[in-house]
Amino acid sequence: MRIKTVEEQLVKLSVTEEERKRHADLIQECLEREKRLNSNRVKIQEGMKAVTANLQTIGHTMEIINLGLRELSGRLAEITLRLSPVSKLPRA
């Protein structure tokens, strides 16, 4: 859902020039807040993109670590078998 701008709301409410002059301070404050909100919205979107990119990097790094740990686990099992005394080895 699209949020209407201050100007769109004023037009929708058919605010007259006299009413605009009477409430100029309030309208100006709303316009300034609208600008800040738009600026913050852009910053939030940029932040979300950066967080997403960082999470993807973390995920990729975790996959690499997982592969390394699997390889090390296999090597450890092989070393354990080689260093175990024959009497401790399982028999088929």
Protein backbone atom coordinates (compact mmCIF):
# COMPACT_ATOMS: atom_id res chain seq x y z
CA MET A 1 0.00 0.00 0.00
CA ARG A 2 1.40 3.37 -1.05
CA ILE A 3 1.49 6.12 1.56
CA LYS A 4 0.07 9.44 0.39
CA THR A 5 2.22 12.53 0.59
CA VAL A 6 1.27 15.59 2.60
CA GLU A 7 0.44 17.43 -0.60
CA GLU A 8 -1.78 14.58 -1.80
CA GLN A 9 -3.63 14.63 1.50
CA LEU A 10 -4.16 18.38 1.29
CA VAL A 11 -5.59 18.01 -2.23
CA LYS A 12 -7.77 15.07 -1.20
CA LEU A 13 -9.16 17.07 1.72
CA SER A 14 -9.76 20.07 -0.55
CA VAL A 15 -7.82 22.40 1.73
CA THR A 16 -8.35 25.99 0.62
CA GLU A 17 -5.62 28.63 0.30
CA GLU A 18 -7.00 30.35 3.37
CA GLU A 19 -6.75 27.12 5.37
CA ARG A 20 -3.25 26.54 4.02
CA LYS A 21 -2.21 30.00 5.22
CA ARG A 22 -3.86 29.50 8.61
CA HIS A 23 -2.13 26.14 9.12
CA ALA A 24 1.13 26.96 7.32
CA ASP A 25 3.32 26.12 10.33
CA LEU A 26 1.69 22.71 10.79
CA ILE A 27 1.85 21.96 7.06
CA GLN A 28 5.53 22.96 6.96
CA GLU A 29 6.29 20.73 9.95
CA CYS A 30 4.52 17.83 8.22
CA LEU A 31 6.48 18.43 5.01
CA GLU A 32 9.76 18.42 6.95
CA ARG A 33 8.80 15.21 8.72
CA GLU A 34 7.85 13.67 5.39
CA LYS A 35 11.33 14.50 4.05
CA ARG A 36 12.98 12.95 7.12
CA LEU A 37 10.82 9.83 6.80
CA ASN A 38 11.74 9.44 3.13
CA SER A 39 15.42 9.91 3.95
CA ASN A 40 15.22 7.35 6.76
CA ARG A 41 13.35 4.93 4.48
CA VAL A 42 16.21 5.08 1.97
CA LYS A 43 18.79 4.57 4.72
CA ILE A 44 16.86 1.58 6.08
CA GLN A 45 16.65 0.01 2.62
CA GLU A 46 20.39 0.49 2.11
CA GLY A 47 21.04 -1.00 5.54
CA MET A 48 18.87 -4.00 4.76
CA LYS A 49 20.78 -4.59 1.51
CA ALA A 50 24.07 -4.46 3.42
CA VAL A 51 22.77 -6.86 6.08
CA THR A 52 21.53 -9.25 3.39
CA ALA A 53 24.91 -9.18 1.65
CA ASN A 54 26.70 -9.80 4.96
CA LEU A 55 24.39 -12.71 5.78
CA GLN A 56 25.07 -14.25 2.38
CA THR A 57 28.81 -13.92 3.00
CA ILE A 58 28.41 -15.53 6.43
CA GLY A 59 26.38 -18.37 4.92
CA HIS A 60 29.02 -18.99 2.26
CA THR A 61 31.77 -18.93 4.90
CA MET A 62 29.83 -21.41 7.03
CA GLU A 63 29.55 -23.76 4.06
CA ILE A 64 33.32 -23.61 3.53
CA ILE A 65 33.95 -24.25 7.22
CA ASN A 66 31.50 -27.16 7.17
CA LEU A 67 33.31 -28.75 4.23
CA GLY A 68 36.64 -28.32 6.01
CA LEU A 69 35.28 -29.86 9.21
CA ARG A 70 33.91 -32.86 7.30
CA GLU A 71 37.30 -33.40 5.67
CA LEU A 72 39.07 -33.09 9.04
CA SER A 73 36.62 -35.50 10.63
CA GLY A 74 37.36 -38.07 7.95
CA ARG A 75 41.09 -37.62 8.38
CA LEU A 76 40.78 -37.90 12.15
CA ALA A 77 38.87 -41.17 11.81
CA GLU A 78 41.57 -42.51 9.48
CA ILE A 79 44.38 -41.46 11.85
CA THR A 80 42.53 -42.97 14.80
CA LEU A 81 42.24 -46.30 12.98
CA ARG A 82 45.91 -46.26 11.97
CA LEU A 83 47.12 -45.47 15.48
CA SER A 84 44.83 -47.90 17.28
CA PRO A 85 46.37 -51.16 18.43
CA VAL A 86 45.26 -54.15 16.41
CA SER A 87 43.53 -55.58 19.48
CA LYS A 88 41.25 -52.52 19.66
CA LEU A 89 40.17 -52.63 16.00
CA PRO A 90 36.71 -53.96 15.25
CA ARG A 91 36.63 -57.39 13.60
CA ALA A 92 34.37 -58.38 10.80
